[in-house]
Amino acid sequence: MTHAAIDTPAGYMKDAHGRLVPEAMVKPIDRTRDQVVGELIALAMAQSQSLTDLKKRVFGDIEAFISMSAEEYQAKVGGAKGNVTLYSFDGQYKVQIARADNITFDERLQAAKAMIDELLAEWTKESRPEIQAIIQGAFDTDKEGNLNTGRILSLRRLDIQDPRWKQAMFAISDSVQVVGTKTYVRFYQRMGDSDKYRPILLDIASI
């Protein structure tokens, strides 16, 4: 039973504006829709809580195991940013905890962009259109106006020897700011007798 149902007197339904409507005045199709949505939301909330509990259990168990292993071998456990992969004894399953830095760029990125724009203007007749598209596309933003950090950092892999380009790449590197760390847990099952693993999907959109 939802919180809204608890607050609603018997024989009434609460509409989207918070008004009490006698059930007899609500169309059968609207009552049925409300029931279907309520039941599905209750299931989804239960699954969400189960995943939350699973995540807490996974992190707690793995941290406890790492501490136990470190004590047994009298070793110091690494920092919080280390990735961990644990395998079952038969190698059929593995649990992986991965930590990734969440990065952004400060004002020095604009300086790098200005230097790159000058170089592109100079290279217009000499550079391949594909290279220009890659460089310019790296600074495109998504619908929320966010930059794609991966595309920007990938510019450093381009083999361009111009000292001004290298200076721009240094400016990009210097502009990187770590604003937090995200921790992911993933589960895998081995595919037959191969050395490849397929993920055990917990994301409903991926199933």
C-alpha atoms as a PDB file:
ATOM      1  CA  MET A   1       0.000   0.000   0.000  1.00  0.00           C
ATOM      2  CA  THR A   2       1.403   3.403  -0.976  1.00  0.00           C
ATOM      3  CA  HIS A   3       1.763   6.420   1.296  1.00  0.00           C
ATOM      4  CA  ALA A   4      -0.976   8.190  -0.728  1.00  0.00           C
ATOM      5  CA  ALA A   5      -3.356   5.261  -0.145  1.00  0.00           C
ATOM      6  CA  ILE A   6      -2.749   5.410   3.615  1.00  0.00           C
ATOM      7  CA  ASP A   7      -3.644   9.120   3.700  1.00  0.00           C
ATOM      8  CA  THR A   8      -6.738   8.688   1.506  1.00  0.00           C
ATOM      9  CA  PRO A   9     -10.078   7.958   3.226  1.00  0.00           C
ATOM     10  CA  ALA A  10     -11.918   4.787   2.258  1.00  0.00           C
ATOM     11  CA  GLY A  11     -14.139   5.225  -0.787  1.00  0.00           C
ATOM     12  CA  TYR A  12     -12.022   8.057  -2.234  1.00  0.00           C
ATOM     13  CA  MET A  13      -9.053   8.428  -4.592  1.00  0.00           C
ATOM     14  CA  LYS A  14      -6.636  11.333  -4.578  1.00  0.00           C
ATOM     15  CA  ASP A  15      -5.993  12.964  -7.961  1.00  0.00           C
ATOM     16  CA  ALA A  16      -2.785  14.600  -9.226  1.00  0.00           C
ATOM     17  CA  HIS A  17      -3.751  17.897  -7.584  1.00  0.00           C
ATOM     18  CA  GLY A  18      -4.273  16.287  -4.177  1.00  0.00           C
ATOM     19  CA  ARG A  19      -8.061  16.507  -4.350  1.00  0.00           C
ATOM     20  CA  LEU A  20     -10.220  13.710  -2.971  1.00  0.00           C
ATOM     21  CA  VAL A  21     -12.479  12.171  -5.610  1.00  0.00           C
ATOM     22  CA  PRO A  22     -15.191   9.592  -4.762  1.00  0.00           C
ATOM     23  CA  GLU A  23     -14.247   6.244  -6.305  1.00  0.00           C
ATOM     24  CA  ALA A  24     -17.697   6.007  -7.882  1.00  0.00           C
ATOM     25  CA  MET A  25     -16.860   9.096  -9.953  1.00  0.00           C
ATOM     26  CA  VAL A  26     -13.561   7.663 -11.242  1.00  0.00           C
ATOM     27  CA  LYS A  27     -13.811   5.808 -14.554  1.00  0.00           C
ATOM     28  CA  PRO A  28     -13.085   2.053 -14.357  1.00  0.00           C
ATOM     29  CA  ILE A  29     -10.183   2.389 -16.820  1.00  0.00           C
ATOM     30  CA  ASP A  30      -8.612   5.070 -14.598  1.00  0.00           C
ATOM     31  CA  ARG A  31      -8.987   2.873 -11.498  1.00  0.00           C
ATOM     32  CA  THR A  32      -7.462  -0.084 -13.328  1.00  0.00           C
ATOM     33  CA  ARG A  33      -4.545   2.042 -14.593  1.00  0.00           C
ATOM     34  CA  ASP A  34      -3.933   3.327 -11.062  1.00  0.00           C
ATOM     35  CA  GLN A  35      -3.907  -0.236  -9.730  1.00  0.00           C
ATOM     36  CA  VAL A  36      -1.483  -1.490 -12.411  1.00  0.00           C
ATOM     37  CA  VAL A  37       0.908   1.416 -11.865  1.00  0.00           C
ATOM     38  CA  GLY A  38       0.742   1.040  -8.089  1.00  0.00           C
ATOM     39  CA  GLU A  39       1.510  -2.681  -8.198  1.00  0.00           C
ATOM     40  CA  LEU A  40       4.408  -2.258 -10.641  1.00  0.00           C
ATOM     41  CA  ILE A  41       5.897   0.623  -8.642  1.00  0.00           C
ATOM     42  CA  ALA A  42       5.719  -1.464  -5.476  1.00  0.00           C
ATOM     43  CA  LEU A  43       7.640  -4.266  -7.228  1.00  0.00           C
ATOM     44  CA  ALA A  44      10.199  -1.799  -8.613  1.00  0.00           C
ATOM     45  CA  MET A  45      10.758  -0.214  -5.198  1.00  0.00           C
ATOM     46  CA  ALA A  46      11.247  -3.639  -3.635  1.00  0.00           C
ATOM     47  CA  GLN A  47      13.816  -4.559  -6.294  1.00  0.00           C
ATOM     48  CA  SER A  48      15.562  -1.213  -5.849  1.00  0.00           C
ATOM     49  CA  GLN A  49      15.886  -1.851  -2.125  1.00  0.00           C
ATOM     50  CA  SER A  50      17.177  -5.366  -2.840  1.00  0.00           C
ATOM     51  CA  LEU A  51      19.886  -3.948  -5.120  1.00  0.00           C
ATOM     52  CA  THR A  52      20.818  -1.402  -2.462  1.00  0.00           C
ATOM     53  CA  ASP A  53      21.131  -4.185   0.093  1.00  0.00           C
ATOM     54  CA  LEU A  54      23.153  -6.279  -2.382  1.00  0.00           C
ATOM     55  CA  LYS A  55      25.586  -3.429  -3.016  1.00  0.00           C
ATOM     56  CA  LYS A  56      26.139  -2.906   0.711  1.00  0.00           C
ATOM     57  CA  ARG A  57      26.642  -6.650   1.190  1.00  0.00           C
ATOM     58  CA  VAL A  58      29.123  -6.889  -1.704  1.00  0.00           C
ATOM     59  CA  PHE A  59      31.273  -3.976  -0.543  1.00  0.00           C
ATOM     60  CA  GLY A  60      31.179  -5.125   3.075  1.00  0.00           C
ATOM     61  CA  ASP A  61      32.086  -8.735   2.269  1.00  0.00           C
ATOM     62  CA  ILE A  62      34.888  -7.829  -0.125  1.00  0.00           C
ATOM     63  CA  GLU A  63      36.399  -5.278   2.242  1.00  0.00           C
ATOM     64  CA  ALA A  64      36.277  -7.856   5.035  1.00  0.00           C
ATOM     65  CA  PHE A  65      37.930 -10.460   2.795  1.00  0.00           C
ATOM     66  CA  ILE A  66      40.694  -8.055   1.739  1.00  0.00           C
ATOM     67  CA  SER A  67      41.414  -7.215   5.366  1.00  0.00           C
ATOM     68  CA  MET A  68      41.496 -10.905   6.287  1.00  0.00           C
ATOM     69  CA  SER A  69      43.816 -11.673   3.375  1.00  0.00           C
ATOM     70  CA  ALA A  70      46.096  -8.783   4.307  1.00  0.00           C
ATOM     71  CA  GLU A  71      46.310  -9.982   7.907  1.00  0.00           C
ATOM     72  CA  GLU A  72      47.137 -13.529   6.837  1.00  0.00           C
ATOM     73  CA  TYR A  73      50.020 -12.399   4.656  1.00  0.00           C
ATOM     74  CA  GLN A  74      50.956  -9.434   6.866  1.00  0.00           C
ATOM     75  CA  ALA A  75      50.518  -7.086   3.952  1.00  0.00           C
ATOM     76  CA  LYS A  76      49.216  -3.555   3.845  1.00  0.00           C
ATOM     77  CA  VAL A  77      46.002  -3.045   1.877  1.00  0.00           C
ATOM     78  CA  GLY A  78      46.274  -0.436  -0.862  1.00  0.00           C
ATOM     79  CA  GLY A  79      44.371   2.827  -1.089  1.00  0.00           C
ATOM     80  CA  ALA A  80      40.656   3.161  -1.715  1.00  0.00           C
ATOM     81  CA  LYS A  81      41.206   3.744  -5.429  1.00  0.00           C
ATOM     82  CA  GLY A  82      42.506   0.241  -6.093  1.00  0.00           C
ATOM     83  CA  ASN A  83      40.436  -2.121  -8.244  1.00  0.00           C
ATOM     84  CA  VAL A  84      39.709  -5.615  -6.980  1.00  0.00           C
ATOM     85  CA  THR A  85      38.681  -8.791  -8.835  1.00  0.00           C
ATOM     86  CA  LEU A  86      37.841 -11.986  -6.970  1.00  0.00           C
ATOM     87  CA  TYR A  87      37.396 -15.348  -8.726  1.00  0.00           C
ATOM     88  CA  SER A  88      35.545 -18.433  -7.605  1.00  0.00           C
ATOM     89  CA  PHE A  89      37.765 -21.492  -7.044  1.00  0.00           C
ATOM     90  CA  ASP A  90      36.665 -23.098 -10.344  1.00  0.00           C
ATOM     91  CA  GLY A  91      37.100 -19.842 -12.268  1.00  0.00           C
ATOM     92  CA  GLN A  92      33.466 -19.831 -13.421  1.00  0.00           C
ATOM     93  CA  TYR A  93      32.581 -16.574 -11.729  1.00  0.00           C
ATOM     94  CA  LYS A  94      34.215 -13.329 -10.789  1.00  0.00           C
ATOM     95  CA  VAL A  95      33.207 -10.252  -8.833  1.00  0.00           C
ATOM     96  CA  GLN A  96      34.875  -6.995  -9.748  1.00  0.00           C
ATOM     97  CA  ILE A  97      34.991  -3.712  -7.897  1.00  0.00           C
ATOM     98  CA  ALA A  98      36.235  -0.823  -9.998  1.00  0.00           C
ATOM     99  CA  ARG A  99      36.803   2.738  -8.869  1.00  0.00           C
ATOM    100  CA  ALA A 100      36.966   5.543 -11.396  1.00  0.00           C
ATOM    101  CA  ASP A 101      37.802   9.198 -10.904  1.00  0.00           C
ATOM    102  CA  ASN A 102      35.109  11.667 -11.861  1.00  0.00           C
ATOM    103  CA  ILE A 103      36.958  14.465 -13.640  1.00  0.00           C
ATOM    104  CA  THR A 104      36.225  17.893 -15.015  1.00  0.00           C
ATOM    105  CA  PHE A 105      38.310  20.724 -16.493  1.00  0.00           C
ATOM    106  CA  ASP A 106      39.134  24.167 -15.163  1.00  0.00           C
ATOM    107  CA  GLU A 107      39.605  27.444 -17.091  1.00  0.00           C
ATOM    108  CA  ARG A 108      42.878  26.254 -18.653  1.00  0.00           C
ATOM    109  CA  LEU A 109      40.848  24.106 -21.034  1.00  0.00           C
ATOM    110  CA  GLN A 110      39.612  27.292 -22.715  1.00  0.00           C
ATOM    111  CA  ALA A 111      43.213  28.374 -23.249  1.00  0.00           C
ATOM    112  CA  ALA A 112      43.970  24.996 -24.826  1.00  0.00           C
ATOM    113  CA  LYS A 113      40.889  25.297 -27.039  1.00  0.00           C
ATOM    114  CA  ALA A 114      41.993  28.758 -28.206  1.00  0.00           C
ATOM    115  CA  MET A 115      45.461  27.431 -29.151  1.00  0.00           C
ATOM    116  CA  ILE A 116      43.928  24.492 -30.990  1.00  0.00           C
ATOM    117  CA  ASP A 117      41.537  26.767 -32.905  1.00  0.00           C
ATOM    118  CA  GLU A 118      44.478  28.868 -34.074  1.00  0.00           C
ATOM    119  CA  LEU A 119      46.309  25.772 -35.277  1.00  0.00           C
ATOM    120  CA  LEU A 120      43.251  24.444 -37.108  1.00  0.00           C
ATOM    121  CA  ALA A 121      42.829  27.757 -38.885  1.00  0.00           C
ATOM    122  CA  GLU A 122      46.458  27.569 -39.970  1.00  0.00           C
ATOM    123  CA  TRP A 123      46.238  23.914 -41.003  1.00  0.00           C
ATOM    124  CA  THR A 124      42.977  24.178 -42.932  1.00  0.00           C
ATOM    125  CA  LYS A 125      44.573  23.563 -46.316  1.00  0.00           C
ATOM    126  CA  GLU A 126      47.072  20.970 -45.138  1.00  0.00           C
ATOM    127  CA  SER A 127      45.344  18.710 -42.604  1.00  0.00           C
ATOM    128  CA  ARG A 128      42.921  15.943 -43.486  1.00  0.00           C
ATOM    129  CA  PRO A 129      39.228  16.771 -42.945  1.00  0.00           C
ATOM    130  CA  GLU A 130      38.904  13.689 -40.726  1.00  0.00           C
ATOM    131  CA  ILE A 131      41.552  14.997 -38.313  1.00  0.00           C
ATOM    132  CA  GLN A 132      39.838  18.392 -38.166  1.00  0.00           C
ATOM    133  CA  ALA A 133      36.497  16.728 -37.419  1.00  0.00           C
ATOM    134  CA  ILE A 134      38.018  14.637 -34.625  1.00  0.00           C
ATOM    135  CA  ILE A 135      39.671  17.652 -33.020  1.00  0.00           C
ATOM    136  CA  GLN A 136      36.658  19.940 -33.291  1.00  0.00           C
ATOM    137  CA  GLY A 137      34.232  17.209 -32.236  1.00  0.00           C
ATOM    138  CA  ALA A 138      36.176  16.579 -29.045  1.00  0.00           C
ATOM    139  CA  PHE A 139      34.839  19.845 -27.629  1.00  0.00           C
ATOM    140  CA  ASP A 140      31.180  19.178 -28.459  1.00  0.00           C
ATOM    141  CA  THR A 141      28.804  19.108 -25.491  1.00  0.00           C
ATOM    142  CA  ASP A 142      25.808  16.894 -24.785  1.00  0.00           C
ATOM    143  CA  LYS A 143      22.223  18.089 -24.282  1.00  0.00           C
ATOM    144  CA  GLU A 144      23.043  19.104 -20.711  1.00  0.00           C
ATOM    145  CA  GLY A 145      26.027  21.159 -21.874  1.00  0.00           C
ATOM    146  CA  ASN A 146      28.593  18.729 -20.461  1.00  0.00           C
ATOM    147  CA  LEU A 147      31.888  18.012 -22.193  1.00  0.00           C
ATOM    148  CA  ASN A 148      32.941  14.464 -23.025  1.00  0.00           C
ATOM    149  CA  THR A 149      36.114  14.088 -20.981  1.00  0.00           C
ATOM    150  CA  GLY A 150      37.156  10.931 -22.839  1.00  0.00           C
ATOM    151  CA  ARG A 151      37.120  12.644 -26.239  1.00  0.00           C
ATOM    152  CA  ILE A 152      39.085  15.634 -24.958  1.00  0.00           C
ATOM    153  CA  LEU A 153      41.743  13.506 -23.275  1.00  0.00           C
ATOM    154  CA  SER A 154      42.020  11.317 -26.382  1.00  0.00           C
ATOM    155  CA  LEU A 155      43.446  14.308 -28.280  1.00  0.00           C
ATOM    156  CA  ARG A 156      46.702  13.683 -26.434  1.00  0.00           C
ATOM    157  CA  ARG A 157      47.112  10.451 -28.391  1.00  0.00           C
ATOM    158  CA  LEU A 158      47.226  12.207 -31.763  1.00  0.00           C
ATOM    159  CA  ASP A 159      50.747  12.136 -33.205  1.00  0.00           C
ATOM    160  CA  ILE A 160      51.150  15.847 -33.907  1.00  0.00           C
ATOM    161  CA  GLN A 161      54.661  17.179 -33.386  1.00  0.00           C
ATOM    162  CA  ASP A 162      54.008  20.909 -33.627  1.00  0.00           C
ATOM    163  CA  PRO A 163      55.325  22.494 -30.380  1.00  0.00           C
ATOM    164  CA  ARG A 164      52.179  24.631 -30.139  1.00  0.00           C
ATOM    165  CA  TRP A 165      50.024  21.499 -30.253  1.00  0.00           C
ATOM    166  CA  LYS A 166      52.122  19.939 -27.492  1.00  0.00           C
ATOM    167  CA  GLN A 167      51.702  23.093 -25.436  1.00  0.00           C
ATOM    168  CA  ALA A 168      47.935  22.853 -25.877  1.00  0.00           C
ATOM    169  CA  MET A 169      48.050  19.215 -24.731  1.00  0.00           C
ATOM    170  CA  PHE A 170      49.987  20.240 -21.618  1.00  0.00           C
ATOM    171  CA  ALA A 171      47.293  22.852 -20.933  1.00  0.00           C
ATOM    172  CA  ILE A 172      44.604  20.148 -21.216  1.00  0.00           C
ATOM    173  CA  SER A 173      46.491  17.898 -18.799  1.00  0.00           C
ATOM    174  CA  ASP A 174      46.952  20.744 -16.327  1.00  0.00           C
ATOM    175  CA  SER A 175      43.246  21.633 -16.513  1.00  0.00           C
ATOM    176  CA  VAL A 176      42.089  18.203 -15.291  1.00  0.00           C
ATOM    177  CA  GLN A 177      40.408  18.369 -11.889  1.00  0.00           C
ATOM    178  CA  VAL A 178      39.296  15.255  -9.945  1.00  0.00           C
ATOM    179  CA  VAL A 179      35.923  16.080  -8.360  1.00  0.00           C
ATOM    180  CA  GLY A 180      35.085  12.682  -6.908  1.00  0.00           C
ATOM    181  CA  THR A 181      35.344   8.937  -7.276  1.00  0.00           C
ATOM    182  CA  LYS A 182      32.621   6.513  -8.325  1.00  0.00           C
ATOM    183  CA  THR A 183      32.684   2.883  -7.294  1.00  0.00           C
ATOM    184  CA  TYR A 184      31.189   0.161  -9.475  1.00  0.00           C
ATOM    185  CA  VAL A 185      30.543  -3.497  -8.757  1.00  0.00           C
ATOM    186  CA  ARG A 186      30.142  -5.995 -11.588  1.00  0.00           C
ATOM    187  CA  PHE A 187      29.479  -9.723 -11.694  1.00  0.00           C
ATOM    188  CA  TYR A 188      30.635 -12.097 -14.427  1.00  0.00           C
ATOM    189  CA  GLN A 189      30.165 -15.707 -15.511  1.00  0.00           C
ATOM    190  CA  ARG A 190      32.669 -17.542 -17.679  1.00  0.00           C
ATOM    191  CA  MET A 191      31.534 -18.486 -21.174  1.00  0.00           C
ATOM    192  CA  GLY A 192      31.963 -22.260 -21.387  1.00  0.00           C
ATOM    193  CA  ASP A 193      35.614 -23.292 -21.244  1.00  0.00           C
ATOM    194  CA  SER A 194      36.893 -20.069 -22.790  1.00  0.00           C
ATOM    195  CA  ASP A 195      38.818 -17.313 -21.051  1.00  0.00           C
ATOM    196  CA  LYS A 196      36.010 -14.837 -21.745  1.00  0.00           C
ATOM    197  CA  TYR A 197      33.387 -13.735 -19.256  1.00  0.00           C
ATOM    198  CA  ARG A 198      29.902 -12.338 -19.821  1.00  0.00           C
ATOM    199  CA  PRO A 199      28.361  -9.911 -17.340  1.00  0.00           C
ATOM    200  CA  ILE A 200      25.519 -10.950 -15.059  1.00  0.00           C
ATOM    201  CA  LEU A 201      23.181  -8.069 -15.851  1.00  0.00           C
ATOM    202  CA  LEU A 202      21.497  -6.136 -13.065  1.00  0.00           C
ATOM    203  CA  ASP A 203      20.550  -3.106 -15.155  1.00  0.00           C
ATOM    204  CA  ILE A 204      16.942  -3.626 -16.283  1.00  0.00           C
ATOM    205  CA  ALA A 205      17.605  -1.696 -19.499  1.00  0.00           C
ATOM    206  CA  SER A 206      20.324  -4.192 -20.462  1.00  0.00           C
ATOM    207  CA  ILE A 207      18.349  -7.374 -19.910  1.00  0.00           C
END
